[in-house]
Amino acid sequence: MPEISRFFGIVIAMYYDDHAPPHFHAIYGSEKAEFSIDPLGVLKGRLSPRALALVTEWAALHQVELLQAWGQRAAGRAPAKIEPLQ
């Protein structure tokens, strides 16, 4: 699972063999969720309200980069790292 970003204890990743629609995974301790990229939203899973707000804010700021990373991953390349939320 290629990690593309990490901030405030939250790991953002994309799997090489993942299915459509374009999405990413957010892991915070034992909590996990999948987020669609466009439109931005939770596909499945659950995060605490604070972690959910942080991931949503980060993803909104980096939506274009997330779509580019999805394309890189689909082409068999490692997705580029994306700046963390600060």
C-alpha atoms as a PDB file:
ATOM      1  CA  MET A   1       0.000   0.000   0.000  1.00  0.00           C
ATOM      2  CA  PRO A   2       1.831   3.101  -1.179  1.00  0.00           C
ATOM      3  CA  GLU A   3       1.611   5.868   1.372  1.00  0.00           C
ATOM      4  CA  ILE A   4       1.051   9.191  -0.353  1.00  0.00           C
ATOM      5  CA  SER A   5       0.770  11.441   2.699  1.00  0.00           C
ATOM      6  CA  ARG A   6       0.817  11.437   6.489  1.00  0.00           C
ATOM      7  CA  PHE A   7      -0.349  14.132   8.897  1.00  0.00           C
ATOM      8  CA  PHE A   8      -1.525  14.285  12.514  1.00  0.00           C
ATOM      9  CA  GLY A   9      -1.248  10.494  12.788  1.00  0.00           C
ATOM     10  CA  ILE A  10      -3.416   9.909   9.697  1.00  0.00           C
ATOM     11  CA  VAL A  11      -1.969   7.815   6.858  1.00  0.00           C
ATOM     12  CA  ILE A  12      -3.271   8.389   3.327  1.00  0.00           C
ATOM     13  CA  ALA A  13      -2.641   5.572   0.853  1.00  0.00           C
ATOM     14  CA  MET A  14      -3.620   4.095  -2.518  1.00  0.00           C
ATOM     15  CA  TYR A  15      -3.450   0.409  -3.414  1.00  0.00           C
ATOM     16  CA  TYR A  16      -1.919  -0.597  -6.772  1.00  0.00           C
ATOM     17  CA  ASP A  17      -4.675  -3.056  -7.691  1.00  0.00           C
ATOM     18  CA  ASP A  18      -7.629  -1.033  -6.418  1.00  0.00           C
ATOM     19  CA  HIS A  19     -10.961  -0.736  -8.199  1.00  0.00           C
ATOM     20  CA  ALA A  20     -12.841   2.243  -9.624  1.00  0.00           C
ATOM     21  CA  PRO A  21     -14.049   4.837  -8.759  1.00  0.00           C
ATOM     22  CA  PRO A  22     -10.859   6.800  -8.050  1.00  0.00           C
ATOM     23  CA  HIS A  23     -10.392   6.832  -4.297  1.00  0.00           C
ATOM     24  CA  PHE A  24      -7.892   6.782  -1.453  1.00  0.00           C
ATOM     25  CA  HIS A  25      -7.690   5.150   1.951  1.00  0.00           C
ATOM     26  CA  ALA A  26      -7.328   7.024   5.241  1.00  0.00           C
ATOM     27  CA  ILE A  27      -6.088   5.137   8.317  1.00  0.00           C
ATOM     28  CA  TYR A  28      -6.088   6.641  11.786  1.00  0.00           C
ATOM     29  CA  GLY A  29      -5.128   4.118  14.455  1.00  0.00           C
ATOM     30  CA  SER A  30      -7.712   1.347  14.192  1.00  0.00           C
ATOM     31  CA  GLU A  31     -10.112   3.532  12.166  1.00  0.00           C
ATOM     32  CA  LYS A  32     -10.224   3.194   8.379  1.00  0.00           C
ATOM     33  CA  ALA A  33     -12.214   4.826   5.600  1.00  0.00           C
ATOM     34  CA  GLU A  34     -12.228   5.008   1.813  1.00  0.00           C
ATOM     35  CA  PHE A  35     -12.831   8.395   0.187  1.00  0.00           C
ATOM     36  CA  SER A  36     -13.903   9.038  -3.389  1.00  0.00           C
ATOM     37  CA  ILE A  37     -11.860  11.762  -5.037  1.00  0.00           C
ATOM     38  CA  ASP A  38     -14.399  13.315  -7.410  1.00  0.00           C
ATOM     39  CA  PRO A  39     -16.860  13.980  -5.983  1.00  0.00           C
ATOM     40  CA  LEU A  40     -15.100  14.075  -2.636  1.00  0.00           C
ATOM     41  CA  GLY A  41     -16.831  11.930  -0.023  1.00  0.00           C
ATOM     42  CA  VAL A  42     -16.703   8.842   2.172  1.00  0.00           C
ATOM     43  CA  LEU A  43     -17.320   5.595   0.262  1.00  0.00           C
ATOM     44  CA  LYS A  44     -17.122   3.274   3.249  1.00  0.00           C
ATOM     45  CA  GLY A  45     -15.630   2.978   6.680  1.00  0.00           C
ATOM     46  CA  ARG A  46     -15.562   5.414   9.538  1.00  0.00           C
ATOM     47  CA  LEU A  47     -13.244   7.987  11.087  1.00  0.00           C
ATOM     48  CA  SER A  48     -13.680  10.055  14.224  1.00  0.00           C
ATOM     49  CA  PRO A  49     -15.212  13.495  13.533  1.00  0.00           C
ATOM     50  CA  ARG A  50     -11.838  15.220  13.999  1.00  0.00           C
ATOM     51  CA  ALA A  51      -9.969  12.847  11.668  1.00  0.00           C
ATOM     52  CA  LEU A  52     -12.801  13.032   9.129  1.00  0.00           C
ATOM     53  CA  ALA A  53     -12.632  16.835   9.106  1.00  0.00           C
ATOM     54  CA  LEU A  54      -8.831  16.809   8.679  1.00  0.00           C
ATOM     55  CA  VAL A  55      -8.903  14.286   5.821  1.00  0.00           C
ATOM     56  CA  THR A  56     -11.729  16.131   4.079  1.00  0.00           C
ATOM     57  CA  GLU A  57      -9.890  19.459   4.358  1.00  0.00           C
ATOM     58  CA  TRP A  58      -6.654  17.921   3.059  1.00  0.00           C
ATOM     59  CA  ALA A  59      -8.378  16.142   0.166  1.00  0.00           C
ATOM     60  CA  ALA A  60     -10.213  19.302  -0.905  1.00  0.00           C
ATOM     61  CA  LEU A  61      -6.877  21.129  -1.074  1.00  0.00           C
ATOM     62  CA  HIS A  62      -5.220  18.330  -3.085  1.00  0.00           C
ATOM     63  CA  GLN A  63      -8.028  16.964  -5.263  1.00  0.00           C
ATOM     64  CA  VAL A  64      -6.145  17.490  -8.545  1.00  0.00           C
ATOM     65  CA  GLU A  65      -3.008  15.852  -7.143  1.00  0.00           C
ATOM     66  CA  LEU A  66      -5.090  12.922  -5.865  1.00  0.00           C
ATOM     67  CA  LEU A  67      -6.509  12.335  -9.345  1.00  0.00           C
ATOM     68  CA  GLN A  68      -2.985  12.474 -10.782  1.00  0.00           C
ATOM     69  CA  ALA A  69      -1.802   9.965  -8.166  1.00  0.00           C
ATOM     70  CA  TRP A  70      -4.710   7.670  -9.087  1.00  0.00           C
ATOM     71  CA  GLY A  71      -3.609   7.818 -12.731  1.00  0.00           C
ATOM     72  CA  GLN A  72       0.007   7.042 -11.816  1.00  0.00           C
ATOM     73  CA  ARG A  73      -1.117   4.096  -9.707  1.00  0.00           C
ATOM     74  CA  ALA A  74      -3.365   2.802 -12.499  1.00  0.00           C
ATOM     75  CA  ALA A  75      -0.363   2.935 -14.850  1.00  0.00           C
ATOM     76  CA  GLY A  76       1.629   0.737 -12.450  1.00  0.00           C
ATOM     77  CA  ARG A  77       3.805   3.549 -11.139  1.00  0.00           C
ATOM     78  CA  ALA A  78       4.149   4.620  -7.541  1.00  0.00           C
ATOM     79  CA  PRO A  79       1.831   7.554  -6.874  1.00  0.00           C
ATOM     80  CA  ALA A  80       3.588  10.807  -6.089  1.00  0.00           C
ATOM     81  CA  LYS A  81       3.752  11.981  -2.494  1.00  0.00           C
ATOM     82  CA  ILE A  82       1.350  14.797  -1.609  1.00  0.00           C
ATOM     83  CA  GLU A  83       2.107  17.514   0.928  1.00  0.00           C
ATOM     84  CA  PRO A  84       0.606  16.869   4.356  1.00  0.00           C
ATOM     85  CA  LEU A  85      -1.901  19.127   6.062  1.00  0.00           C
ATOM     86  CA  GLN A  86      -0.128  21.589   8.335  1.00  0.00           C
END
